[in-house]
PDB file of N, CA and C in Angstrom:
ATOM      1  N   MET A   1       0.749  -1.201   0.313  1.00  0.00           N
ATOM      2  CA  MET A   1      -0.136   0.293   0.091  1.00  0.00           C
ATOM      3  C   MET A   1       0.584   1.604   0.145  1.00  0.00           C
ATOM      4  N   ILE A   2       2.361   0.781   0.753  1.00  0.00           N
ATOM      5  CA  ILE A   2       2.832   2.548   0.723  1.00  0.00           C
ATOM      6  C   ILE A   2       3.461   2.844  -0.416  1.00  0.00           C
ATOM      7  N   ASP A   3       4.161   1.344  -1.500  1.00  0.00           N
ATOM      8  CA  ASP A   3       4.739   2.195  -2.485  1.00  0.00           C
ATOM      9  C   ASP A   3       3.550   2.589  -3.497  1.00  0.00           C
ATOM     10  N   ILE A   4       2.343   2.336  -3.305  1.00  0.00           N
ATOM     11  CA  ILE A   4       1.157   2.603  -4.126  1.00  0.00           C
ATOM     12  C   ILE A   4       1.201   4.333  -3.803  1.00  0.00           C
ATOM     13  N   ILE A   5       0.924   4.456  -2.497  1.00  0.00           N
ATOM     14  CA  ILE A   5      -0.022   5.587  -2.580  1.00  0.00           C
ATOM     15  C   ILE A   5       1.186   6.899  -2.622  1.00  0.00           C
ATOM     16  N   SER A   6       2.493   6.429  -2.194  1.00  0.00           N
ATOM     17  CA  SER A   6       3.662   7.465  -2.596  1.00  0.00           C
ATOM     18  C   SER A   6       4.323   7.844  -3.338  1.00  0.00           C
ATOM     19  N   LYS A   7       3.558   7.312  -5.160  1.00  0.00           N
ATOM     20  CA  LYS A   7       3.472   7.455  -6.320  1.00  0.00           C
ATOM     21  C   LYS A   7       2.843   9.044  -6.506  1.00  0.00           C
ATOM     22  N   GLY A   8       1.984   9.022  -5.894  1.00  0.00           N
ATOM     23  CA  GLY A   8       1.201  10.082  -6.290  1.00  0.00           C
ATOM     24  C   GLY A   8      -0.121   9.828  -6.112  1.00  0.00           C
ATOM     25  N   PRO A   9      -1.131  10.627  -6.278  1.00  0.00           N
ATOM     26  CA  PRO A   9      -2.509  10.529  -6.238  1.00  0.00           C
ATOM     27  C   PRO A   9      -3.495   9.172  -6.000  1.00  0.00           C
ATOM     28  N   THR A  10      -3.533   8.829  -5.604  1.00  0.00           N
ATOM     29  CA  THR A  10      -4.695   7.266  -5.518  1.00  0.00           C
ATOM     30  C   THR A  10      -5.380   7.022  -5.132  1.00  0.00           C
ATOM     31  N   ASN A  11      -6.640   6.230  -5.826  1.00  0.00           N
ATOM     32  CA  ASN A  11      -7.962   6.524  -5.182  1.00  0.00           C
ATOM     33  C   ASN A  11      -7.571   4.503  -4.517  1.00  0.00           C
ATOM     34  N   VAL A  12      -8.745   5.122  -3.427  1.00  0.00           N
ATOM     35  CA  VAL A  12      -8.648   3.941  -2.443  1.00  0.00           C
ATOM     36  C   VAL A  12     -10.370   3.322  -2.302  1.00  0.00           C
ATOM     37  N   LEU A  13     -10.161   1.835  -2.442  1.00  0.00           N
ATOM     38  CA  LEU A  13     -11.396   1.527  -2.551  1.00  0.00           C
ATOM     39  C   LEU A  13     -11.463   0.325  -1.068  1.00  0.00           C
ATOM     40  N   LEU A  14     -11.725   0.824   0.204  1.00  0.00           N
ATOM     41  CA  LEU A  14     -12.246  -0.111   0.721  1.00  0.00           C
ATOM     42  C   LEU A  14     -13.364  -1.183   1.048  1.00  0.00           C
ATOM     43  N   ILE A  15     -13.388  -2.254   0.777  1.00  0.00           N
ATOM     44  CA  ILE A  15     -14.492  -2.900   0.678  1.00  0.00           C
ATOM     45  C   ILE A  15     -14.976  -4.135   2.211  1.00  0.00           C
ATOM     46  N   GLY A  16     -13.828  -4.279   2.741  1.00  0.00           N
ATOM     47  CA  GLY A  16     -13.838  -4.781   4.542  1.00  0.00           C
ATOM     48  C   GLY A  16     -13.083  -3.485   5.455  1.00  0.00           C
ATOM     49  N   ALA A  17     -13.374  -4.399   6.743  1.00  0.00           N
ATOM     50  CA  ALA A  17     -12.826  -3.502   7.873  1.00  0.00           C
ATOM     51  C   ALA A  17     -12.081  -2.517   7.684  1.00  0.00           C
ATOM     52  N   HIS A  18     -12.068  -1.379   8.197  1.00  0.00           N
ATOM     53  CA  HIS A  18     -10.952  -0.112   7.533  1.00  0.00           C
ATOM     54  C   HIS A  18      -9.744  -0.207   8.754  1.00  0.00           C
ATOM     55  N   THR A  19      -9.249  -1.384   9.286  1.00  0.00           N
ATOM     56  CA  THR A  19      -8.233  -1.816   9.892  1.00  0.00           C
ATOM     57  C   THR A  19      -6.673  -0.996   9.570  1.00  0.00           C
ATOM     58  N   ASN A  20      -6.779  -2.277   8.466  1.00  0.00           N
ATOM     59  CA  ASN A  20      -5.330  -1.927   7.740  1.00  0.00           C
ATOM     60  C   ASN A  20      -4.695  -0.314   7.503  1.00  0.00           C
ATOM     61  N   PHE A  21      -6.076   0.340   6.012  1.00  0.00           N
ATOM     62  CA  PHE A  21      -6.045   1.450   6.122  1.00  0.00           C
ATOM     63  C   PHE A  21      -6.083   2.396   7.418  1.00  0.00           C
ATOM     64  N   SER A  22      -6.910   2.086   8.383  1.00  0.00           N
ATOM     65  CA  SER A  22      -6.834   3.529   9.580  1.00  0.00           C
ATOM     66  C   SER A  22      -4.956   3.329   9.839  1.00  0.00           C
ATOM     67  N   ILE A  23      -5.070   1.998   9.925  1.00  0.00           N
ATOM     68  CA  ILE A  23      -3.450   2.222  10.577  1.00  0.00           C
ATOM     69  C   ILE A  23      -2.584   2.455   9.651  1.00  0.00           C
ATOM     70  N   PHE A  24      -2.706   2.459   8.648  1.00  0.00           N
ATOM     71  CA  PHE A  24      -1.350   3.304   7.492  1.00  0.00           C
ATOM     72  C   PHE A  24      -1.604   4.777   7.603  1.00  0.00           C
ATOM     73  N   LEU A  25      -2.799   5.318   7.863  1.00  0.00           N
ATOM     74  CA  LEU A  25      -3.051   6.820   7.253  1.00  0.00           C
ATOM     75  C   LEU A  25      -2.177   7.070   9.049  1.00  0.00           C
ATOM     76  N   MET A  26      -3.042   6.570   9.807  1.00  0.00           N
ATOM     77  CA  MET A  26      -2.201   7.069  11.832  1.00  0.00           C
ATOM     78  C   MET A  26      -0.456   6.731  11.305  1.00  0.00           C
ATOM     79  N   SER A  27      -0.045   5.861  10.846  1.00  0.00           N
ATOM     80  CA  SER A  27       1.502   5.333  10.310  1.00  0.00           C
ATOM     81  C   SER A  27       2.061   6.782   9.379  1.00  0.00           C
ATOM     82  N   ASN A  28       1.419   6.557   8.570  1.00  0.00           N
ATOM     83  CA  ASN A  28       2.192   7.631   7.740  1.00  0.00           C
ATOM     84  C   ASN A  28       1.214   9.141   7.172  1.00  0.00           C
ATOM     85  N   PRO A  29       1.029   9.504   8.096  1.00  0.00           N
ATOM     86  CA  PRO A  29       0.177  10.994   8.056  1.00  0.00           C
ATOM     87  C   PRO A  29       0.979  11.675   6.737  1.00  0.00           C
ATOM     88  N   HIS A  30       2.020  11.581   5.929  1.00  0.00           N
ATOM     89  CA  HIS A  30       2.518  12.551   5.417  1.00  0.00           C
ATOM     90  C   HIS A  30       2.352  12.294   3.860  1.00  0.00           C
ATOM     91  N   LEU A  31       1.663  11.004   3.855  1.00  0.00           N
ATOM     92  CA  LEU A  31       1.055  10.029   2.392  1.00  0.00           C
ATOM     93  C   LEU A  31      -0.254  10.777   2.715  1.00  0.00           C
ATOM     94  N   LYS A  32      -0.876  11.375   3.472  1.00  0.00           N
ATOM     95  CA  LYS A  32      -2.823  11.270   3.310  1.00  0.00           C
ATOM     96  C   LYS A  32      -2.808  12.220   2.022  1.00  0.00           C
ATOM     97  N   LYS A  33      -2.369  13.320   1.821  1.00  0.00           N
ATOM     98  CA  LYS A  33      -1.929  14.231   0.875  1.00  0.00           C
ATOM     99  C   LYS A  33      -2.152  13.532  -0.467  1.00  0.00           C
ATOM    100  N   ASN A  34      -1.529  12.852  -0.537  1.00  0.00           N
ATOM    101  CA  ASN A  34      -1.741  11.467  -1.612  1.00  0.00           C
ATOM    102  C   ASN A  34      -2.835  10.588  -1.879  1.00  0.00           C
ATOM    103  N   VAL A  35      -3.757  10.314  -1.573  1.00  0.00           N
ATOM    104  CA  VAL A  35      -5.052   9.542  -1.737  1.00  0.00           C
ATOM    105  C   VAL A  35      -6.311  10.784  -1.750  1.00  0.00           C
ATOM    106  N   GLN A  36      -6.423  10.527  -3.465  1.00  0.00           N
ATOM    107  CA  GLN A  36      -7.483  11.264  -4.153  1.00  0.00           C
ATOM    108  C   GLN A  36      -8.768  11.254  -3.596  1.00  0.00           C
ATOM    109  N   HIS A  37      -8.713  10.034  -3.476  1.00  0.00           N
ATOM    110  CA  HIS A  37     -10.489   9.838  -3.004  1.00  0.00           C
ATOM    111  C   HIS A  37     -10.577   8.178  -2.523  1.00  0.00           C
ATOM    112  N   ILE A  38     -11.456   8.348  -1.763  1.00  0.00           N
ATOM    113  CA  ILE A  38     -11.420   7.195  -0.522  1.00  0.00           C
ATOM    114  C   ILE A  38     -13.323   6.462  -1.005  1.00  0.00           C
ATOM    115  N   TYR A  39     -13.264   5.239  -1.535  1.00  0.00           N
ATOM    116  CA  TYR A  39     -14.726   4.802  -1.621  1.00  0.00           C
ATOM    117  C   TYR A  39     -14.781   3.598  -0.793  1.00  0.00           C
ATOM    118  N   VAL A  40     -15.702   3.941   0.251  1.00  0.00           N
ATOM    119  CA  VAL A  40     -15.781   2.938   1.008  1.00  0.00           C
ATOM    120  C   VAL A  40     -17.349   2.187   1.002  1.00  0.00           C
ATOM    121  N   MET A  41     -17.235   0.858   1.446  1.00  0.00           N
ATOM    122  CA  MET A  41     -18.387  -0.364   1.602  1.00  0.00           C
ATOM    123  C   MET A  41     -18.664  -0.258   2.723  1.00  0.00           C
ATOM    124  N   GLY A  42     -19.987   1.150   3.022  1.00  0.00           N
ATOM    125  CA  GLY A  42     -20.301   1.072   5.025  1.00  0.00           C
ATOM    126  C   GLY A  42     -21.945   0.859   5.311  1.00  0.00           C
ATOM    127  N   GLY A  43     -22.639   0.477   3.919  1.00  0.00           N
ATOM    128  CA  GLY A  43     -23.962   0.966   4.685  1.00  0.00           C
ATOM    129  C   GLY A  43     -24.459   2.120   4.159  1.00  0.00           C
ATOM    130  N   SER A  44     -24.878   2.464   4.319  1.00  0.00           N
ATOM    131  CA  SER A  44     -26.098   3.794   3.930  1.00  0.00           C
ATOM    132  C   SER A  44     -25.842   4.802   5.494  1.00  0.00           C
ATOM    133  N   LEU A  45     -26.166   6.265   4.896  1.00  0.00           N
ATOM    134  CA  LEU A  45     -26.315   7.261   5.349  1.00  0.00           C
ATOM    135  C   LEU A  45     -27.252   8.158   5.241  1.00  0.00           C
ATOM    136  N   GLY A  46     -27.890   8.828   6.186  1.00  0.00           N
ATOM    137  CA  GLY A  46     -28.940   8.949   6.644  1.00  0.00           C
ATOM    138  C   GLY A  46     -30.332   8.131   6.400  1.00  0.00           C
ATOM    139  N   VAL A  47     -30.231   7.428   6.534  1.00  0.00           N
ATOM    140  CA  VAL A  47     -31.189   6.600   6.635  1.00  0.00           C
ATOM    141  C   VAL A  47     -31.943   6.166   8.131  1.00  0.00           C
ATOM    142  N   SER A  48     -33.321   6.461   8.408  1.00  0.00           N
ATOM    143  CA  SER A  48     -34.038   6.678   9.359  1.00  0.00           C
ATOM    144  C   SER A  48     -34.141   5.301  10.333  1.00  0.00           C
ATOM    145  N   ASN A  49     -33.087   4.798  11.434  1.00  0.00           N
ATOM    146  CA  ASN A  49     -33.585   3.521  11.594  1.00  0.00           C
ATOM    147  C   ASN A  49     -32.765   3.626  13.182  1.00  0.00           C
ATOM    148  N   SER A  50     -33.853   4.769  13.500  1.00  0.00           N
ATOM    149  CA  SER A  50     -34.379   4.705  14.762  1.00  0.00           C
ATOM    150  C   SER A  50     -36.100   4.387  14.793  1.00  0.00           C
ATOM    151  N   ASN A  51     -36.265   4.709  15.783  1.00  0.00           N
ATOM    152  CA  ASN A  51     -37.426   3.836  16.539  1.00  0.00           C
ATOM    153  C   ASN A  51     -39.077   4.921  15.435  1.00  0.00           C
ATOM    154  N   CYS A  52     -39.814   4.730  15.003  1.00  0.00           N
ATOM    155  CA  CYS A  52     -41.267   5.154  14.869  1.00  0.00           C
ATOM    156  C   CYS A  52     -42.321   4.591  15.132  1.00  0.00           C
ATOM    157  N   CYS A  53     -42.964   5.471  15.093  1.00  0.00           N
ATOM    158  CA  CYS A  53     -44.362   6.248  15.336  1.00  0.00           C
ATOM    159  C   CYS A  53     -45.269   5.149  14.554  1.00  0.00           C
ATOM    160  N   THR A  54     -46.226   3.722  15.171  1.00  0.00           N
ATOM    161  CA  THR A  54     -47.056   3.140  14.485  1.00  0.00           C
ATOM    162  C   THR A  54     -48.187   3.399  15.342  1.00  0.00           C
ATOM    163  N   LYS A  55     -49.112   3.862  14.592  1.00  0.00           N
ATOM    164  CA  LYS A  55     -50.459   3.961  15.698  1.00  0.00           C
ATOM    165  C   LYS A  55     -51.579   2.730  15.436  1.00  0.00           C
ATOM    166  N   ASN A  56     -52.155   2.528  16.677  1.00  0.00           N
ATOM    167  CA  ASN A  56     -53.018   1.064  16.711  1.00  0.00           C
ATOM    168  C   ASN A  56     -53.985   1.837  16.670  1.00  0.00           C
ATOM    169  N   LYS A  57     -55.388   0.817  17.049  1.00  0.00           N
ATOM    170  CA  LYS A  57     -56.616   1.401  16.179  1.00  0.00           C
ATOM    171  C   LYS A  57     -57.041   2.361  18.007  1.00  0.00           C
ATOM    172  N   SER A  58     -56.392   2.142  18.775  1.00  0.00           N
ATOM    173  CA  SER A  58     -56.818   3.256  19.607  1.00  0.00           C
ATOM    174  C   SER A  58     -55.934   4.609  19.565  1.00  0.00           C
ATOM    175  N   SER A  59     -55.424   4.534  18.850  1.00  0.00           N
ATOM    176  CA  SER A  59     -54.818   6.198  18.264  1.00  0.00           C
ATOM    177  C   SER A  59     -53.069   6.286  19.188  1.00  0.00           C
ATOM    178  N   ILE A  60     -52.987   5.578  19.989  1.00  0.00           N
ATOM    179  CA  ILE A  60     -52.026   5.242  20.667  1.00  0.00           C
ATOM    180  C   ILE A  60     -50.560   4.783  20.091  1.00  0.00           C
ATOM    181  N   CYS A  61     -49.464   6.134  19.938  1.00  0.00           N
ATOM    182  CA  CYS A  61     -48.163   5.760  19.381  1.00  0.00           C
ATOM    183  C   CYS A  61     -47.229   4.638  20.433  1.00  0.00           C
ATOM    184  N   LYS A  62     -47.461   3.631  19.292  1.00  0.00           N
ATOM    185  CA  LYS A  62     -46.475   2.484  19.633  1.00  0.00           C
ATOM    186  C   LYS A  62     -44.938   2.532  18.955  1.00  0.00           C
ATOM    187  N   LEU A  63     -43.703   2.538  19.696  1.00  0.00           N
ATOM    188  CA  LEU A  63     -42.578   3.148  18.951  1.00  0.00           C
ATOM    189  C   LEU A  63     -42.128   1.531  19.078  1.00  0.00           C
ATOM    190  N   GLU A  64     -41.145   1.783  17.583  1.00  0.00           N
ATOM    191  CA  GLU A  64     -40.904   0.021  17.363  1.00  0.00           C
ATOM    192  C   GLU A  64     -39.902   0.235  16.366  1.00  0.00           C
ATOM    193  N   PRO A  65     -38.636  -0.447  16.366  1.00  0.00           N
ATOM    194  CA  PRO A  65     -37.546   0.082  15.173  1.00  0.00           C
ATOM    195  C   PRO A  65     -38.291  -0.326  14.256  1.00  0.00           C
ATOM    196  N   CYS A  66     -37.248   0.604  12.997  1.00  0.00           N
ATOM    197  CA  CYS A  66     -38.116   1.010  11.550  1.00  0.00           C
ATOM    198  C   CYS A  66     -36.306   0.724  10.855  1.00  0.00           C
ATOM    199  N   GLY A  67     -36.436   0.798   9.737  1.00  0.00           N
ATOM    200  CA  GLY A  67     -35.575   1.499   8.629  1.00  0.00           C
ATOM    201  C   GLY A  67     -35.234   0.010   8.315  1.00  0.00           C
ATOM    202  N   ASP A  68     -34.146  -0.375   7.376  1.00  0.00           N
ATOM    203  CA  ASP A  68     -33.427  -1.342   6.858  1.00  0.00           C
ATOM    204  C   ASP A  68     -32.783  -1.874   7.811  1.00  0.00           C
ATOM    205  N   PRO A  69     -32.426  -3.410   8.299  1.00  0.00           N
ATOM    206  CA  PRO A  69     -31.825  -3.898   8.802  1.00  0.00           C
ATOM    207  C   PRO A  69     -30.453  -3.728   8.127  1.00  0.00           C
ATOM    208  N   GLY A  70     -29.377  -4.090   9.407  1.00  0.00           N
ATOM    209  CA  GLY A  70     -28.248  -4.162   8.910  1.00  0.00           C
ATOM    210  C   GLY A  70     -27.429  -5.256   8.184  1.00  0.00           C
ATOM    211  N   ASN A  71     -26.237  -5.880   7.816  1.00  0.00           N
ATOM    212  CA  ASN A  71     -25.754  -7.172   7.390  1.00  0.00           C
ATOM    213  C   ASN A  71     -25.280  -7.719   8.800  1.00  0.00           C
ATOM    214  N   VAL A  72     -25.303  -7.553  10.326  1.00  0.00           N
ATOM    215  CA  VAL A  72     -24.357  -8.595  11.240  1.00  0.00           C
ATOM    216  C   VAL A  72     -25.612  -9.260  11.519  1.00  0.00           C
ATOM    217  N   PHE A  73     -25.310 -10.662  11.151  1.00  0.00           N
ATOM    218  CA  PHE A  73     -26.036 -11.540  11.400  1.00  0.00           C
ATOM    219  C   PHE A  73     -25.310 -12.049  12.547  1.00  0.00           C
ATOM    220  N   SER A  74     -25.569 -12.155  13.931  1.00  0.00           N
ATOM    221  CA  SER A  74     -25.158 -12.954  15.046  1.00  0.00           C
ATOM    222  C   SER A  74     -25.867 -12.507  16.192  1.00  0.00           C
ATOM    223  N   ASN A  75     -25.773 -13.037  17.388  1.00  0.00           N
ATOM    224  CA  ASN A  75     -26.030 -13.087  18.552  1.00  0.00           C
ATOM    225  C   ASN A  75     -26.427 -11.101  18.984  1.00  0.00           C
ATOM    226  N   TYR A  76     -25.703 -10.274  18.497  1.00  0.00           N
ATOM    227  CA  TYR A  76     -25.561  -8.587  18.493  1.00  0.00           C
ATOM    228  C   TYR A  76     -27.131  -8.295  19.039  1.00  0.00           C
ATOM    229  N   ASP A  77     -27.372  -8.127  19.253  1.00  0.00           N
ATOM    230  CA  ASP A  77     -28.946  -7.337  19.924  1.00  0.00           C
ATOM    231  C   ASP A  77     -28.686  -5.673  19.280  1.00  0.00           C
ATOM    232  N   SER A  78     -27.883  -5.386  19.979  1.00  0.00           N
ATOM    233  CA  SER A  78     -27.620  -3.859  20.204  1.00  0.00           C
ATOM    234  C   SER A  78     -27.659  -3.520  19.230  1.00  0.00           C
ATOM    235  N   ASN A  79     -27.229  -3.541  18.092  1.00  0.00           N
ATOM    236  CA  ASN A  79     -27.469  -2.719  17.174  1.00  0.00           C
ATOM    237  C   ASN A  79     -27.667  -3.751  15.566  1.00  0.00           C
ATOM    238  N   PRO A  80     -29.248  -4.013  15.719  1.00  0.00           N
ATOM    239  CA  PRO A  80     -29.363  -4.655  14.269  1.00  0.00           C
ATOM    240  C   PRO A  80     -29.420  -4.287  13.237  1.00  0.00           C
ATOM    241  N   TYR A  81     -28.970  -2.737  12.824  1.00  0.00           N
ATOM    242  CA  TYR A  81     -28.907  -1.898  11.541  1.00  0.00           C
ATOM    243  C   TYR A  81     -27.481  -1.485  10.681  1.00  0.00           C
ATOM    244  N   ALA A  82     -26.417  -2.275  12.041  1.00  0.00           N
ATOM    245  CA  ALA A  82     -25.321  -2.193  12.066  1.00  0.00           C
ATOM    246  C   ALA A  82     -24.506  -2.746  10.338  1.00  0.00           C
ATOM    247  N   GLU A  83     -23.674  -2.202   9.696  1.00  0.00           N
ATOM    248  CA  GLU A  83     -23.448  -2.739   8.755  1.00  0.00           C
ATOM    249  C   GLU A  83     -22.209  -3.469   8.731  1.00  0.00           C
ATOM    250  N   PHE A  84     -22.043  -4.196   8.532  1.00  0.00           N
ATOM    251  CA  PHE A  84     -20.867  -5.362   9.395  1.00  0.00           C
ATOM    252  C   PHE A  84     -19.064  -4.762   8.895  1.00  0.00           C
ATOM    253  N   ASN A  85     -19.001  -3.994   8.044  1.00  0.00           N
ATOM    254  CA  ASN A  85     -17.563  -3.028   7.705  1.00  0.00           C
ATOM    255  C   ASN A  85     -17.083  -1.749   9.088  1.00  0.00           C
ATOM    256  N   MET A  86     -18.188  -1.974   9.394  1.00  0.00           N
ATOM    257  CA  MET A  86     -18.594  -0.268  10.577  1.00  0.00           C
ATOM    258  C   MET A  86     -18.393  -1.148  11.317  1.00  0.00           C
ATOM    259  N   PHE A  87     -19.561  -2.099  12.030  1.00  0.00           N
ATOM    260  CA  PHE A  87     -19.606  -2.648  13.328  1.00  0.00           C
ATOM    261  C   PHE A  87     -18.165  -3.550  13.502  1.00  0.00           C
ATOM    262  N   ALA A  88     -17.721  -4.036  12.443  1.00  0.00           N
ATOM    263  CA  ALA A  88     -15.983  -5.256  13.073  1.00  0.00           C
ATOM    264  C   ALA A  88     -14.753  -4.503  13.326  1.00  0.00           C
ATOM    265  N   ASP A  89     -14.829  -2.511  12.895  1.00  0.00           N
ATOM    266  CA  ASP A  89     -14.002  -1.871  13.002  1.00  0.00           C
ATOM    267  C   ASP A  89     -14.386  -0.576  13.986  1.00  0.00           C
ATOM    268  N   PRO A  90     -14.871   0.349  14.610  1.00  0.00           N
ATOM    269  CA  PRO A  90     -16.197   1.423  14.490  1.00  0.00           C
ATOM    270  C   PRO A  90     -14.758   2.490  14.970  1.00  0.00           C
ATOM    271  N   PHE A  91     -13.867   2.428  15.437  1.00  0.00           N
ATOM    272  CA  PHE A  91     -12.626   3.152  15.429  1.00  0.00           C
ATOM    273  C   PHE A  91     -11.909   3.316  14.424  1.00  0.00           C
ATOM    274  N   ALA A  92     -11.806   2.100  13.682  1.00  0.00           N
ATOM    275  CA  ALA A  92     -10.680   2.486  12.275  1.00  0.00           C
ATOM    276  C   ALA A  92     -11.448   3.234  11.648  1.00  0.00           C
ATOM    277  N   ALA A  93     -12.647   2.849  11.208  1.00  0.00           N
ATOM    278  CA  ALA A  93     -13.561   3.905  10.289  1.00  0.00           C
ATOM    279  C   ALA A  93     -14.269   4.900  10.718  1.00  0.00           C
ATOM    280  N   TYR A  94     -13.993   5.353  12.187  1.00  0.00           N
ATOM    281  CA  TYR A  94     -14.152   6.534  12.519  1.00  0.00           C
ATOM    282  C   TYR A  94     -12.551   7.286  12.129  1.00  0.00           C
ATOM    283  N   GLN A  95     -11.499   6.642  12.193  1.00  0.00           N
ATOM    284  CA  GLN A  95     -10.258   7.493  11.883  1.00  0.00           C
ATOM    285  C   GLN A  95     -10.311   7.498  10.284  1.00  0.00           C
ATOM    286  N   VAL A  96     -10.580   6.738   9.424  1.00  0.00           N
ATOM    287  CA  VAL A  96     -10.689   6.732   7.841  1.00  0.00           C
ATOM    288  C   VAL A  96     -11.140   8.089   7.951  1.00  0.00           C
ATOM    289  N   LYS A  97     -12.648   8.333   8.145  1.00  0.00           N
ATOM    290  CA  LYS A  97     -13.427   9.178   8.064  1.00  0.00           C
ATOM    291  C   LYS A  97     -12.709  10.493   8.739  1.00  0.00           C
ATOM    292  N   LEU A  98     -12.022  10.769  10.086  1.00  0.00           N
ATOM    293  CA  LEU A  98     -11.657  11.677  10.867  1.00  0.00           C
ATOM    294  C   LEU A  98      -9.747  12.199   9.986  1.00  0.00           C
ATOM    295  N   ASN A  99      -9.567  11.200   9.286  1.00  0.00           N
ATOM    296  CA  ASN A  99      -7.790  11.619   8.605  1.00  0.00           C
ATOM    297  C   ASN A  99      -7.959  11.974   7.369  1.00  0.00           C
ATOM    298  N   GLN A 100      -9.085  11.377   6.865  1.00  0.00           N
ATOM    299  CA  GLN A 100      -9.360  12.109   5.341  1.00  0.00           C
ATOM    300  C   GLN A 100      -8.756  13.349   4.851  1.00  0.00           C
ATOM    301  N   GLN A 101      -7.902  13.801   3.868  1.00  0.00           N
ATOM    302  CA  GLN A 101      -7.691  14.921   3.618  1.00  0.00           C
ATOM    303  C   GLN A 101      -8.136  14.929   2.160  1.00  0.00           C
ATOM    304  N   CYS A 102      -9.047  13.749   1.352  1.00  0.00           N
ATOM    305  CA  CYS A 102      -9.052  13.776  -0.116  1.00  0.00           C
ATOM    306  C   CYS A 102      -9.886  14.843  -0.199  1.00  0.00           C
ATOM    307  N   ASP A 103      -9.635  14.971  -1.651  1.00  0.00           N
ATOM    308  CA  ASP A 103     -11.189  15.115  -2.358  1.00  0.00           C
ATOM    309  C   ASP A 103     -12.490  14.995  -1.887  1.00  0.00           C
ATOM    310  N   GLU A 104     -12.458  13.625  -1.959  1.00  0.00           N
ATOM    311  CA  GLU A 104     -13.993  12.575  -1.532  1.00  0.00           C
ATOM    312  C   GLU A 104     -13.947  11.297  -1.038  1.00  0.00           C
ATOM    313  N   LEU A 105     -14.801  11.599   0.106  1.00  0.00           N
ATOM    314  CA  LEU A 105     -14.954  10.312   0.880  1.00  0.00           C
ATOM    315  C   LEU A 105     -16.615   9.691   0.755  1.00  0.00           C
ATOM    316  N   ALA A 106     -16.477   8.640  -0.444  1.00  0.00           N
ATOM    317  CA  ALA A 106     -17.564   8.007  -1.386  1.00  0.00           C
ATOM    318  C   ALA A 106     -18.154   6.705  -0.116  1.00  0.00           C
ATOM    319  N   GLN A 107     -19.196   6.850   0.317  1.00  0.00           N
ATOM    320  CA  GLN A 107     -19.767   5.936   1.359  1.00  0.00           C
ATOM    321  C   GLN A 107     -20.761   4.991   0.396  1.00  0.00           C
ATOM    322  N   ILE A 108     -20.544   3.661   0.154  1.00  0.00           N
ATOM    323  CA  ILE A 108     -21.270   2.699  -0.520  1.00  0.00           C
ATOM    324  C   ILE A 108     -21.935   1.554  -0.595  1.00  0.00           C
TER     325      ILE A 108
END
């Protein structure tokens, strides 16, 4: 990775957990300027995955989970909307977003 990014402007596609790229960015801050675009497979942004109010016959609001389920199929009930690449290493995903100095970070 260091050889390619050292050569000049580079596009990066992250299709798994962000751990290795996060370590690269923290270890080589002088090369951040060479990362032109970062494309991240990481779920959706702006989807309402919170509680929704559904009214029953008596017009009483009943809060229920809504939104699209994530792709973490395990016994973790704490976040049924998580996307695996973010759930696997949220600190690394945060570091990639925080440390990006590129023109564009696209989450797909």
